[in-house]
């Protein structure tokens, strides 16, 4: 069974809005995906790019909250 996952990205200048709609199946799948990502490696790869490192940390936090 497939889940519902939709996103909308809207931006003007430096302001970007990301809207995500998903059902519980997709949310649980994304939470499981978090377990397969080696976040330590991601942070090592982004150590020279503070903005990317910060975005990776926020994504990790979001995925953890989906699993609750």
C-alpha atoms as a PDB file:
ATOM      1  CA  UNK A   1       0.000   0.000   0.000  1.00  0.00           C
ATOM      2  CA  UNK A   2       1.376   3.384  -0.963  1.00  0.00           C
ATOM      3  CA  UNK A   3       1.069   6.413   1.235  1.00  0.00           C
ATOM      4  CA  UNK A   4       0.210   9.983   0.372  1.00  0.00           C
ATOM      5  CA  UNK A   5       3.167  12.363   0.211  1.00  0.00           C
ATOM      6  CA  UNK A   6       2.826  15.816  -1.300  1.00  0.00           C
ATOM      7  CA  UNK A   7       5.000  18.869  -1.004  1.00  0.00           C
ATOM      8  CA  UNK A   8       4.801  22.434  -2.189  1.00  0.00           C
ATOM      9  CA  UNK A   9       7.799  24.727  -2.378  1.00  0.00           C
ATOM     10  CA  UNK A  10       7.117  28.432  -2.691  1.00  0.00           C
ATOM     11  CA  UNK A  11       9.741  31.120  -2.664  1.00  0.00           C
ATOM     12  CA  UNK A  12      10.354  34.772  -3.300  1.00  0.00           C
ATOM     13  CA  UNK A  13      13.832  36.173  -2.831  1.00  0.00           C
ATOM     14  CA  UNK A  14      15.385  34.708   0.302  1.00  0.00           C
ATOM     15  CA  UNK A  15      12.053  33.602   1.781  1.00  0.00           C
ATOM     16  CA  UNK A  16      11.172  29.989   1.055  1.00  0.00           C
ATOM     17  CA  UNK A  17       8.141  28.122   2.337  1.00  0.00           C
ATOM     18  CA  UNK A  18       7.956  24.334   2.264  1.00  0.00           C
ATOM     19  CA  UNK A  19       4.596  22.691   2.897  1.00  0.00           C
ATOM     20  CA  UNK A  20       4.432  18.927   3.354  1.00  0.00           C
ATOM     21  CA  UNK A  21       1.257  16.841   3.501  1.00  0.00           C
ATOM     22  CA  UNK A  22       1.575  13.158   4.244  1.00  0.00           C
ATOM     23  CA  UNK A  23      -0.427  10.362   5.755  1.00  0.00           C
ATOM     24  CA  UNK A  24       0.627   8.172   8.662  1.00  0.00           C
ATOM     25  CA  UNK A  25       2.075   5.484   6.371  1.00  0.00           C
ATOM     26  CA  UNK A  26       4.431   7.964   4.743  1.00  0.00           C
ATOM     27  CA  UNK A  27       5.295   9.557   8.088  1.00  0.00           C
ATOM     28  CA  UNK A  28       6.251   6.182   9.539  1.00  0.00           C
ATOM     29  CA  UNK A  29       8.310   5.371   6.427  1.00  0.00           C
ATOM     30  CA  UNK A  30      10.191   8.677   6.698  1.00  0.00           C
ATOM     31  CA  UNK A  31      10.838   8.048  10.390  1.00  0.00           C
ATOM     32  CA  UNK A  32      12.292   4.637   9.511  1.00  0.00           C
ATOM     33  CA  UNK A  33      14.436   6.227   6.805  1.00  0.00           C
ATOM     34  CA  UNK A  34      16.105   8.291   9.519  1.00  0.00           C
ATOM     35  CA  UNK A  35      17.577   5.077  10.959  1.00  0.00           C
ATOM     36  CA  UNK A  36      19.415   4.321   7.701  1.00  0.00           C
ATOM     37  CA  UNK A  37      21.094   7.700   7.336  1.00  0.00           C
ATOM     38  CA  UNK A  38      24.531   7.981   8.915  1.00  0.00           C
ATOM     39  CA  UNK A  39      24.166  11.503  10.272  1.00  0.00           C
ATOM     40  CA  UNK A  40      27.752  11.557  11.533  1.00  0.00           C
ATOM     41  CA  UNK A  41      28.971  11.113   7.956  1.00  0.00           C
ATOM     42  CA  UNK A  42      26.550  13.756   6.701  1.00  0.00           C
ATOM     43  CA  UNK A  43      27.876  16.262   9.243  1.00  0.00           C
ATOM     44  CA  UNK A  44      31.485  15.424   8.319  1.00  0.00           C
ATOM     45  CA  UNK A  45      30.689  16.025   4.654  1.00  0.00           C
ATOM     46  CA  UNK A  46      29.089  19.370   5.454  1.00  0.00           C
ATOM     47  CA  UNK A  47      31.682  20.636   7.953  1.00  0.00           C
ATOM     48  CA  UNK A  48      32.830  23.297   5.458  1.00  0.00           C
ATOM     49  CA  UNK A  49      29.247  24.333   4.732  1.00  0.00           C
ATOM     50  CA  UNK A  50      27.591  25.536   7.967  1.00  0.00           C
ATOM     51  CA  UNK A  51      24.240  26.193   6.275  1.00  0.00           C
ATOM     52  CA  UNK A  52      24.048  22.653   4.890  1.00  0.00           C
ATOM     53  CA  UNK A  53      25.106  21.218   8.264  1.00  0.00           C
ATOM     54  CA  UNK A  54      22.384  23.200   9.994  1.00  0.00           C
ATOM     55  CA  UNK A  55      19.782  22.050   7.463  1.00  0.00           C
ATOM     56  CA  UNK A  56      20.889  18.422   7.954  1.00  0.00           C
ATOM     57  CA  UNK A  57      20.523  18.751  11.729  1.00  0.00           C
ATOM     58  CA  UNK A  58      17.028  20.211  11.334  1.00  0.00           C
ATOM     59  CA  UNK A  59      16.036  17.437   8.924  1.00  0.00           C
ATOM     60  CA  UNK A  60      17.287  14.825  11.380  1.00  0.00           C
ATOM     61  CA  UNK A  61      15.214  16.445  14.155  1.00  0.00           C
ATOM     62  CA  UNK A  62      12.088  16.495  11.975  1.00  0.00           C
ATOM     63  CA  UNK A  63      12.488  12.836  11.034  1.00  0.00           C
ATOM     64  CA  UNK A  64      12.925  11.899  14.697  1.00  0.00           C
ATOM     65  CA  UNK A  65       9.722  13.731  15.619  1.00  0.00           C
ATOM     66  CA  UNK A  66       7.809  11.883  12.895  1.00  0.00           C
ATOM     67  CA  UNK A  67       8.713   8.631  14.615  1.00  0.00           C
ATOM     68  CA  UNK A  68       7.003   9.601  17.861  1.00  0.00           C
END
